[in-house]
C-alpha atoms as a PDB file:
ATOM      1  CA  MET A   1       0.481  25.963  27.876  1.00  0.00           C
ATOM      2  CA  LYS A   2       3.138  24.458  25.446  1.00  0.00           C
ATOM      3  CA  GLU A   3       4.057  21.724  27.944  1.00  0.00           C
ATOM      4  CA  LEU A   4       0.586  21.137  28.751  1.00  0.00           C
ATOM      5  CA  ILE A   5      -0.431  20.212  25.501  1.00  0.00           C
ATOM      6  CA  SER A   6       2.687  17.804  24.858  1.00  0.00           C
ATOM      7  CA  MET A   7       1.942  15.954  27.991  1.00  0.00           C
ATOM      8  CA  MET A   8      -1.710  15.801  27.183  1.00  0.00           C
ATOM      9  CA  PHE A   9      -1.089  14.181  23.788  1.00  0.00           C
ATOM     10  CA  LEU A  10       1.117  11.653  25.528  1.00  0.00           C
ATOM     11  CA  LEU A  11      -1.527  10.866  27.778  1.00  0.00           C
ATOM     12  CA  SER A  12      -4.172  10.846  25.242  1.00  0.00           C
ATOM     13  CA  CYS A  13      -2.424   8.136  23.339  1.00  0.00           C
ATOM     14  CA  PHE A  14      -3.165   5.729  26.112  1.00  0.00           C
ATOM     15  CA  LEU A  15      -6.628   6.864  27.096  1.00  0.00           C
ATOM     16  CA  SER A  16      -8.057   7.206  23.882  1.00  0.00           C
ATOM     17  CA  LYS A  17      -7.433   3.932  22.220  1.00  0.00           C
ATOM     18  CA  ALA A  18     -10.613   2.548  22.708  1.00  0.00           C
ATOM     19  CA  GLN A  19     -12.354   5.513  20.930  1.00  0.00           C
ATOM     20  CA  ASN A  20     -12.397   3.743  17.356  1.00  0.00           C
ATOM     21  CA  ASN A  21     -15.848   4.089  16.167  1.00  0.00           C
ATOM     22  CA  VAL A  22     -17.793   6.950  14.945  1.00  0.00           C
ATOM     23  CA  GLY A  23     -20.732   7.035  17.712  1.00  0.00           C
ATOM     24  CA  GLY A  24     -19.680   8.956  20.805  1.00  0.00           C
ATOM     25  CA  ALA A  25     -15.993   9.690  19.586  1.00  0.00           C
ATOM     26  CA  THR A  26     -14.710  13.009  21.576  1.00  0.00           C
ATOM     27  CA  THR A  27     -11.887  15.154  21.248  1.00  0.00           C
ATOM     28  CA  ASN A  28      -9.023  15.536  23.824  1.00  0.00           C
ATOM     29  CA  ILE A  29      -7.233  18.379  21.427  1.00  0.00           C
ATOM     30  CA  VAL A  30      -8.735  20.995  18.638  1.00  0.00           C
ATOM     31  CA  CYS A  31      -6.250  22.749  16.424  1.00  0.00           C
ATOM     32  CA  ARG A  32      -7.411  25.456  14.536  1.00  0.00           C
ATOM     33  CA  TYR A  33      -5.494  26.369  11.125  1.00  0.00           C
ATOM     34  CA  GLN A  34      -5.901  29.430   8.781  1.00  0.00           C
ATOM     35  CA  VAL A  35      -5.917  28.511   5.086  1.00  0.00           C
ATOM     36  CA  GLN A  36      -4.941  31.292   2.645  1.00  0.00           C
ATOM     37  CA  PHE A  37      -5.859  30.007  -0.876  1.00  0.00           C
ATOM     38  CA  LEU A  38      -6.697  31.406  -4.439  1.00  0.00           C
ATOM     39  CA  LYS A  39      -9.957  30.300  -5.497  1.00  0.00           C
ATOM     40  CA  ASP A  40      -8.526  31.130  -9.289  1.00  0.00           C
ATOM     41  CA  THR A  41      -4.902  30.190  -9.655  1.00  0.00           C
ATOM     42  CA  LEU A  42      -5.018  33.011 -12.745  1.00  0.00           C
ATOM     43  CA  ASN A  43      -5.959  35.832 -10.421  1.00  0.00           C
ATOM     44  CA  VAL A  44      -3.826  36.598  -7.520  1.00  0.00           C
ATOM     45  CA  GLU A  45      -6.532  39.184  -6.319  1.00  0.00           C
ATOM     46  CA  SER A  46      -8.507  35.915  -5.459  1.00  0.00           C
ATOM     47  CA  LYS A  47      -7.269  35.355  -2.391  1.00  0.00           C
ATOM     48  CA  THR A  48      -9.507  34.324  -0.076  1.00  0.00           C
ATOM     49  CA  ASN A  49      -9.210  32.220   3.728  1.00  0.00           C
ATOM     50  CA  GLU A  50     -11.237  30.146   6.009  1.00  0.00           C
ATOM     51  CA  ILE A  51     -10.342  28.878   9.659  1.00  0.00           C
ATOM     52  CA  MET A  52     -10.566  25.435   9.690  1.00  0.00           C
ATOM     53  CA  ALA A  53     -10.734  23.099  13.146  1.00  0.00           C
ATOM     54  CA  LEU A  54      -8.630  19.591  13.556  1.00  0.00           C
ATOM     55  CA  GLN A  55     -10.793  17.686  16.114  1.00  0.00           C
ATOM     56  CA  ILE A  56      -8.642  15.219  17.492  1.00  0.00           C
ATOM     57  CA  GLY A  57      -9.454  12.310  19.718  1.00  0.00           C
ATOM     58  CA  GLY A  58      -6.946   9.032  20.077  1.00  0.00           C
ATOM     59  CA  ASN A  59      -7.270   7.078  16.999  1.00  0.00           C
ATOM     60  CA  ILE A  60      -9.922   9.309  15.100  1.00  0.00           C
ATOM     61  CA  SER A  61      -9.778  12.940  13.649  1.00  0.00           C
ATOM     62  CA  LEU A  62     -12.041  15.349  11.912  1.00  0.00           C
ATOM     63  CA  TYR A  63     -10.932  18.408   9.792  1.00  0.00           C
ATOM     64  CA  LYS A  64     -13.577  20.790   8.841  1.00  0.00           C
ATOM     65  CA  SER A  65     -14.388  24.578   8.560  1.00  0.00           C
ATOM     66  CA  GLU A  66     -14.867  26.070  11.797  1.00  0.00           C
ATOM     67  CA  GLN A  67     -17.571  28.330   9.700  1.00  0.00           C
ATOM     68  CA  LYS A  68     -19.209  25.082   8.447  1.00  0.00           C
ATOM     69  CA  ARG A  69     -19.393  23.783  12.279  1.00  0.00           C
ATOM     70  CA  LYS A  70     -21.304  26.843  13.061  1.00  0.00           C
ATOM     71  CA  THR A  71     -23.459  26.922   9.831  1.00  0.00           C
ATOM     72  CA  ASP A  72     -24.242  23.502  10.091  1.00  0.00           C
ATOM     73  CA  SER A  73     -25.616  24.285  13.525  1.00  0.00           C
ATOM     74  CA  LEU A  74     -27.730  27.114  12.471  1.00  0.00           C
ATOM     75  CA  ARG A  75     -29.084  25.386   9.658  1.00  0.00           C
ATOM     76  CA  HIS A  76     -30.180  22.425  11.991  1.00  0.00           C
ATOM     77  CA  GLU A  77     -31.784  25.201  14.084  1.00  0.00           C
ATOM     78  CA  SER A  78     -33.530  27.109  11.294  1.00  0.00           C
ATOM     79  CA  ILE A  79     -35.161  23.896  10.239  1.00  0.00           C
ATOM     80  CA  LYS A  80     -36.188  23.022  13.621  1.00  0.00           C
ATOM     81  CA  ASN A  81     -37.888  26.284  14.314  1.00  0.00           C
ATOM     82  CA  SER A  82     -39.632  26.151  10.723  1.00  0.00           C
ATOM     83  CA  MET A  83     -41.088  22.952  11.557  1.00  0.00           C
ATOM     84  CA  GLN A  84     -42.292  24.496  14.926  1.00  0.00           C
ATOM     85  CA  ASN A  85     -43.566  27.136  12.973  1.00  0.00           C
ATOM     86  CA  ALA A  86     -45.514  24.916  10.636  1.00  0.00           C
ATOM     87  CA  GLN A  87     -47.571  23.261  13.352  1.00  0.00           C
ATOM     88  CA  ASP A  88     -49.353  27.021  13.281  1.00  0.00           C
ATOM     89  CA  LYS A  89     -49.404  27.872   9.912  1.00  0.00           C
ATOM     90  CA  LYS A  90     -49.537  24.670   8.359  1.00  0.00           C
ATOM     91  CA  SER A  91     -46.478  25.343   5.948  1.00  0.00           C
ATOM     92  CA  VAL A  92     -42.834  25.103   6.080  1.00  0.00           C
ATOM     93  CA  VAL A  93     -40.593  28.035   4.994  1.00  0.00           C
ATOM     94  CA  ILE A  94     -36.968  27.639   5.716  1.00  0.00           C
ATOM     95  CA  ASP A  95     -34.688  30.821   5.701  1.00  0.00           C
ATOM     96  CA  PHE A  96     -31.231  29.957   5.394  1.00  0.00           C
ATOM     97  CA  SER A  97     -30.599  33.673   4.323  1.00  0.00           C
ATOM     98  CA  LYS A  98     -28.801  34.652   7.375  1.00  0.00           C
ATOM     99  CA  ILE A  99     -26.402  31.650   7.665  1.00  0.00           C
ATOM    100  CA  PRO A 100     -22.844  32.865   6.786  1.00  0.00           C
ATOM    101  CA  LYS A 101     -21.345  31.323   3.309  1.00  0.00           C
ATOM    102  CA  VAL A 102     -18.604  28.704   3.993  1.00  0.00           C
ATOM    103  CA  ASN A 103     -15.341  28.902   1.627  1.00  0.00           C
ATOM    104  CA  LEU A 104     -13.988  25.443   2.146  1.00  0.00           C
ATOM    105  CA  VAL A 105     -16.548  22.748   2.212  1.00  0.00           C
ATOM    106  CA  HIS A 106     -14.624  19.546   2.349  1.00  0.00           C
ATOM    107  CA  GLU A 107     -14.197  17.579   5.518  1.00  0.00           C
ATOM    108  CA  VAL A 108     -11.698  14.964   5.965  1.00  0.00           C
ATOM    109  CA  TYR A 109     -12.296  12.078   8.763  1.00  0.00           C
ATOM    110  CA  LYS A 110      -9.770   9.595   9.739  1.00  0.00           C
ATOM    111  CA  ASN A 111     -10.853   6.574  11.722  1.00  0.00           C
ATOM    112  CA  GLY A 112      -7.854   3.917  12.645  1.00  0.00           C
ATOM    113  CA  ASP A 113      -6.094   3.909   8.953  1.00  0.00           C
ATOM    114  CA  ASP A 114      -8.967   4.771   7.310  1.00  0.00           C
ATOM    115  CA  LEU A 115      -9.144   8.592   5.776  1.00  0.00           C
ATOM    116  CA  VAL A 116     -12.173   9.344   4.171  1.00  0.00           C
ATOM    117  CA  ILE A 117     -12.832  12.846   2.496  1.00  0.00           C
ATOM    118  CA  PHE A 118     -16.451  14.277   2.085  1.00  0.00           C
ATOM    119  CA  ASP A 119     -16.905  17.339  -0.636  1.00  0.00           C
ATOM    120  CA  ASN A 120     -20.246  19.152  -2.232  1.00  0.00           C
ATOM    121  CA  ILE A 121     -20.649  19.316  -5.800  1.00  0.00           C
ATOM    122  CA  ILE A 122     -23.403  22.212  -6.254  1.00  0.00           C
ATOM    123  CA  LYS A 123     -25.922  20.777  -3.528  1.00  0.00           C
ATOM    124  CA  ASP A 124     -25.006  16.869  -3.550  1.00  0.00           C
ATOM    125  CA  GLN A 125     -22.794  15.678  -1.000  1.00  0.00           C
ATOM    126  CA  TYR A 126     -20.056  12.875  -1.497  1.00  0.00           C
ATOM    127  CA  PHE A 127     -17.628  10.651   0.124  1.00  0.00           C
ATOM    128  CA  TYR A 128     -14.623   8.884  -1.121  1.00  0.00           C
ATOM    129  CA  PRO A 129     -11.402   7.185   0.476  1.00  0.00           C
ATOM    130  CA  ALA A 130      -8.381   9.471   0.387  1.00  0.00           C
ATOM    131  CA  ASN A 131      -6.157   8.508  -2.937  1.00  0.00           C
ATOM    132  CA  LYS A 132      -3.110   7.649  -1.419  1.00  0.00           C
ATOM    133  CA  LYS A 133      -0.962   8.318   1.518  1.00  0.00           C
ATOM    134  CA  ILE A 134       1.953  10.931   1.242  1.00  0.00           C
ATOM    135  CA  ASP A 135       5.507   9.348   1.018  1.00  0.00           C
ATOM    136  CA  TRP A 136       7.076  12.105   3.158  1.00  0.00           C
ATOM    137  CA  LYS A 137      10.717  12.800   2.802  1.00  0.00           C
ATOM    138  CA  ILE A 138      12.011  14.451   6.252  1.00  0.00           C
ATOM    139  CA  ASN A 139      14.806  16.951   6.124  1.00  0.00           C
ATOM    140  CA  VAL A 140      17.272  18.188   8.683  1.00  0.00           C
ATOM    141  CA  GLU A 141      16.042  21.749   8.312  1.00  0.00           C
ATOM    142  CA  THR A 142      14.077  22.972  11.493  1.00  0.00           C
ATOM    143  CA  LYS A 143      12.360  26.188  12.402  1.00  0.00           C
ATOM    144  CA  GLN A 144      10.402  27.783  15.112  1.00  0.00           C
ATOM    145  CA  ILE A 145       6.639  27.721  14.732  1.00  0.00           C
ATOM    146  CA  ALA A 146       4.323  29.078  17.698  1.00  0.00           C
ATOM    147  CA  GLY A 147       6.910  28.172  20.247  1.00  0.00           C
ATOM    148  CA  TYR A 148       7.702  24.712  18.886  1.00  0.00           C
ATOM    149  CA  THR A 149      10.711  23.497  16.927  1.00  0.00           C
ATOM    150  CA  CYS A 150       9.643  22.190  13.895  1.00  0.00           C
ATOM    151  CA  GLN A 151      11.173  19.995  11.117  1.00  0.00           C
ATOM    152  CA  LYS A 152      10.904  20.061   7.627  1.00  0.00           C
ATOM    153  CA  ALA A 153       9.094  17.364   5.323  1.00  0.00           C
ATOM    154  CA  THR A 154       8.452  17.229   1.779  1.00  0.00           C
ATOM    155  CA  GLY A 155       5.992  14.961  -0.295  1.00  0.00           C
ATOM    156  CA  GLN A 156       3.862  14.777  -3.140  1.00  0.00           C
ATOM    157  CA  TYR A 157       0.069  14.608  -2.958  1.00  0.00           C
ATOM    158  CA  ASN A 158      -1.642  13.808  -6.429  1.00  0.00           C
ATOM    159  CA  ASN A 159      -0.041  16.655  -8.644  1.00  0.00           C
ATOM    160  CA  ARG A 160       1.461  19.080  -6.276  1.00  0.00           C
ATOM    161  CA  PHE A 161       4.338  18.731  -4.239  1.00  0.00           C
ATOM    162  CA  TYR A 162       4.096  20.191  -0.423  1.00  0.00           C
ATOM    163  CA  THR A 163       6.179  21.254   2.182  1.00  0.00           C
ATOM    164  CA  ALA A 164       5.113  20.122   5.587  1.00  0.00           C
ATOM    165  CA  TRP A 165       6.668  21.622   9.074  1.00  0.00           C
ATOM    166  CA  PHE A 166       5.928  19.121  12.004  1.00  0.00           C
ATOM    167  CA  THR A 167       6.790  19.086  15.510  1.00  0.00           C
ATOM    168  CA  LYS A 168       8.035  15.756  17.411  1.00  0.00           C
ATOM    169  CA  GLU A 169       6.966  17.978  21.083  1.00  0.00           C
ATOM    170  CA  ILE A 170       3.103  16.668  19.953  1.00  0.00           C
ATOM    171  CA  PRO A 171       3.807  13.360  19.070  1.00  0.00           C
ATOM    172  CA  ILE A 172       0.972  12.543  17.216  1.00  0.00           C
ATOM    173  CA  SER A 173       0.822  11.697  13.673  1.00  0.00           C
ATOM    174  CA  GLU A 174      -1.610  14.447  12.534  1.00  0.00           C
ATOM    175  CA  GLY A 175      -2.176  17.161  10.687  1.00  0.00           C
ATOM    176  CA  PRO A 176      -4.797  19.365   8.695  1.00  0.00           C
ATOM    177  CA  TYR A 177      -6.750  17.803   5.449  1.00  0.00           C
ATOM    178  CA  THR A 178      -4.750  14.577   4.794  1.00  0.00           C
ATOM    179  CA  PHE A 179      -1.528  15.973   5.304  1.00  0.00           C
ATOM    180  CA  LYS A 180      -0.704  13.248   8.136  1.00  0.00           C
ATOM    181  CA  GLY A 181       1.857  10.359   8.448  1.00  0.00           C
ATOM    182  CA  LEU A 182       4.740  12.413  10.097  1.00  0.00           C
ATOM    183  CA  PRO A 183       6.091  11.598  13.721  1.00  0.00           C
ATOM    184  CA  GLY A 184       4.584  14.641  15.127  1.00  0.00           C
ATOM    185  CA  LEU A 185       1.841  17.400  14.572  1.00  0.00           C
ATOM    186  CA  ILE A 186       2.180  19.287  11.301  1.00  0.00           C
ATOM    187  CA  LEU A 187       1.635  23.024  12.293  1.00  0.00           C
ATOM    188  CA  GLU A 188       2.114  24.542   8.697  1.00  0.00           C
ATOM    189  CA  VAL A 189       1.707  23.276   5.102  1.00  0.00           C
ATOM    190  CA  TYR A 190       1.958  24.677   1.470  1.00  0.00           C
ATOM    191  CA  ASP A 191       2.437  23.714  -1.913  1.00  0.00           C
ATOM    192  CA  THR A 192       5.121  24.873  -4.130  1.00  0.00           C
ATOM    193  CA  ASN A 193       3.180  27.799  -5.716  1.00  0.00           C
ATOM    194  CA  LYS A 194       1.660  28.277  -2.417  1.00  0.00           C
ATOM    195  CA  TYR A 195      -1.777  28.119  -4.053  1.00  0.00           C
ATOM    196  CA  PHE A 196      -2.929  26.696  -0.570  1.00  0.00           C
ATOM    197  CA  PHE A 197      -0.972  28.055   2.867  1.00  0.00           C
ATOM    198  CA  ILE A 198      -2.366  26.149   5.607  1.00  0.00           C
ATOM    199  CA  SER A 199      -0.701  27.451   9.341  1.00  0.00           C
ATOM    200  CA  LEU A 200      -1.871  26.839  12.836  1.00  0.00           C
ATOM    201  CA  ILE A 201      -3.573  29.244  14.882  1.00  0.00           C
ATOM    202  CA  SER A 202      -4.325  27.627  18.267  1.00  0.00           C
ATOM    203  CA  ILE A 203      -4.149  24.901  20.050  1.00  0.00           C
ATOM    204  CA  GLN A 204      -6.827  24.037  22.628  1.00  0.00           C
ATOM    205  CA  ARG A 205      -7.446  21.221  25.151  1.00  0.00           C
ATOM    206  CA  LEU A 206     -11.385  20.745  24.528  1.00  0.00           C
ATOM    207  CA  ASN A 207     -13.703  18.004  24.913  1.00  0.00           C
ATOM    208  CA  GLU A 208     -16.366  17.873  21.956  1.00  0.00           C
ATOM    209  CA  GLU A 209     -18.232  15.224  20.065  1.00  0.00           C
ATOM    210  CA  ILE A 210     -16.625  14.376  16.643  1.00  0.00           C
ATOM    211  CA  ILE A 211     -19.570  14.386  14.261  1.00  0.00           C
ATOM    212  CA  PRO A 212     -18.755  13.915  10.437  1.00  0.00           C
ATOM    213  CA  MET A 213     -20.645  14.673   7.506  1.00  0.00           C
ATOM    214  CA  ASN A 214     -23.550  12.239   7.031  1.00  0.00           C
ATOM    215  CA  ARG A 215     -26.190  11.767   4.333  1.00  0.00           C
ATOM    216  CA  ALA A 216     -23.680  11.796   1.585  1.00  0.00           C
ATOM    217  CA  ILE A 217     -23.207   9.636  -1.863  1.00  0.00           C
ATOM    218  CA  LYS A 218     -20.497   6.972  -1.844  1.00  0.00           C
ATOM    219  CA  THR A 219     -18.008   7.275  -4.849  1.00  0.00           C
ATOM    220  CA  THR A 220     -14.417   6.897  -5.640  1.00  0.00           C
ATOM    221  CA  TYR A 221     -11.862  10.041  -6.183  1.00  0.00           C
ATOM    222  CA  ASN A 222     -11.943   9.612  -9.993  1.00  0.00           C
ATOM    223  CA  ASP A 223     -15.836   9.528 -10.500  1.00  0.00           C
ATOM    224  CA  PHE A 224     -15.869  12.547  -8.172  1.00  0.00           C
ATOM    225  CA  LYS A 225     -13.205  14.453 -10.323  1.00  0.00           C
ATOM    226  CA  LYS A 226     -15.205  13.190 -13.389  1.00  0.00           C
ATOM    227  CA  LYS A 227     -18.318  14.349 -11.889  1.00  0.00           C
ATOM    228  CA  ARG A 228     -16.957  17.815 -10.740  1.00  0.00           C
ATOM    229  CA  ARG A 229     -15.504  18.447 -14.404  1.00  0.00           C
ATOM    230  CA  GLU A 230     -18.809  17.599 -16.083  1.00  0.00           C
ATOM    231  CA  VAL A 231     -20.433  20.250 -14.078  1.00  0.00           C
ATOM    232  CA  ASN A 232     -17.998  23.016 -14.277  1.00  0.00           C
ATOM    233  CA  ASP A 233     -18.133  22.195 -18.021  1.00  0.00           C
ATOM    234  CA  ASN A 234     -21.720  22.752 -18.245  1.00  0.00           C
ATOM    235  CA  PRO A 235     -22.947  24.415 -14.695  1.00  0.00           C
ATOM    236  CA  ILE A 236     -26.089  25.480 -16.204  1.00  0.00           C
ATOM    237  CA  ALA A 237     -27.548  21.872 -17.185  1.00  0.00           C
ATOM    238  CA  GLU A 238     -26.926  20.897 -13.317  1.00  0.00           C
ATOM    239  CA  LEU A 239     -28.423  24.169 -12.422  1.00  0.00           C
ATOM    240  CA  GLN A 240     -31.802  23.430 -14.477  1.00  0.00           C
ATOM    241  CA  LYS A 241     -32.161  20.347 -12.535  1.00  0.00           C
ATOM    242  CA  LEU A 242     -32.374  22.350  -9.234  1.00  0.00           C
ATOM    243  CA  SER A 243     -35.085  24.655 -10.748  1.00  0.00           C
ATOM    244  CA  ASN A 244     -38.483  24.438 -12.310  1.00  0.00           C
ATOM    245  CA  ASN A 245     -38.394  27.991 -13.405  1.00  0.00           C
ATOM    246  CA  PRO A 246     -36.533  29.381 -16.578  1.00  0.00           C
ATOM    247  CA  ILE A 247     -32.945  30.774 -15.883  1.00  0.00           C
ATOM    248  CA  SER A 248     -32.479  34.198 -17.213  1.00  0.00           C
ATOM    249  CA  LYS A 249     -29.403  34.703 -19.377  1.00  0.00           C
ATOM    250  CA  GLU A 250     -28.137  37.217 -16.617  1.00  0.00           C
ATOM    251  CA  VAL A 251     -27.742  34.019 -14.324  1.00  0.00           C
ATOM    252  CA  LYS A 252     -26.427  31.906 -16.670  1.00  0.00           C
ATOM    253  CA  ASP A 253     -23.480  34.265 -17.662  1.00  0.00           C
ATOM    254  CA  LYS A 254     -22.771  34.806 -14.071  1.00  0.00           C
ATOM    255  CA  VAL A 255     -22.917  31.057 -12.866  1.00  0.00           C
ATOM    256  CA  ILE A 256     -20.899  30.084 -15.744  1.00  0.00           C
ATOM    257  CA  GLU A 257     -18.201  33.136 -15.154  1.00  0.00           C
ATOM    258  CA  ASN A 258     -18.020  31.907 -11.260  1.00  0.00           C
ATOM    259  CA  ARG A 259     -17.314  28.467 -12.132  1.00  0.00           C
ATOM    260  CA  LYS A 260     -14.504  29.331 -14.562  1.00  0.00           C
ATOM    261  CA  ARG A 261     -13.065  31.375 -11.748  1.00  0.00           C
ATOM    262  CA  LYS A 262     -12.970  28.651  -9.224  1.00  0.00           C
ATOM    263  CA  ASN A 263     -10.233  26.315 -10.560  1.00  0.00           C
ATOM    264  CA  ASN A 264      -8.268  25.501  -7.506  1.00  0.00           C
ATOM    265  CA  TYR A 265      -8.728  22.532  -5.490  1.00  0.00           C
ATOM    266  CA  LEU A 266      -6.907  20.964  -2.675  1.00  0.00           C
ATOM    267  CA  ASP A 267      -7.209  17.302  -3.692  1.00  0.00           C
END
């Protein structure tokens, strides 16, 4: 399987160069990663995890929660069924109660040299260009991951330093989130404190459509951070915009506490 994947990547470099637009882009390979992270960096008990999928097709890739891919599909089906029922009942009731929760909602879409991050603040979806490319320093140190010989690289992304392990046996400059730009696929990456630890689970040869998030608000990274900080500082004001009814003190206290506990962001 390892040899098949490596040869397939070499072949895809030649066959998929033409797939450089959003419409109709399809995958050659789907990599699944486990992301372990602390929601609250001050509380080791807040550790949780999410399975993320990296869809790769030529010069295009999309990194997205595996659960979110399922959730988006279920959400679409719920809306479709609700609209069909509304024809008889003359009212629309959309039930999202059975849709599982997603821990990591961000998506990263790469098209050629362009890298865009999609993320949410409460109910609003935003997208912005990735802040900057990582200036990797490649080390001579190696280790085995999932049967592949991997080489160590280190680099800084915004205010954190990261260690990445990549393999030249899969010669494509890809990896989870914005961790790209090395001469091989990144199989493992983590920050100095291991607040985020991302490791490869599987690599599969799959052919499926690559569909990034749509209907998002265009912004910049600095404006996105500013908006998120404003919401974290005063979440009740934002919540009140979504509700026409008074919010109880119990709910307010719970919302404030939850926002305080969520302070670890990969960006």
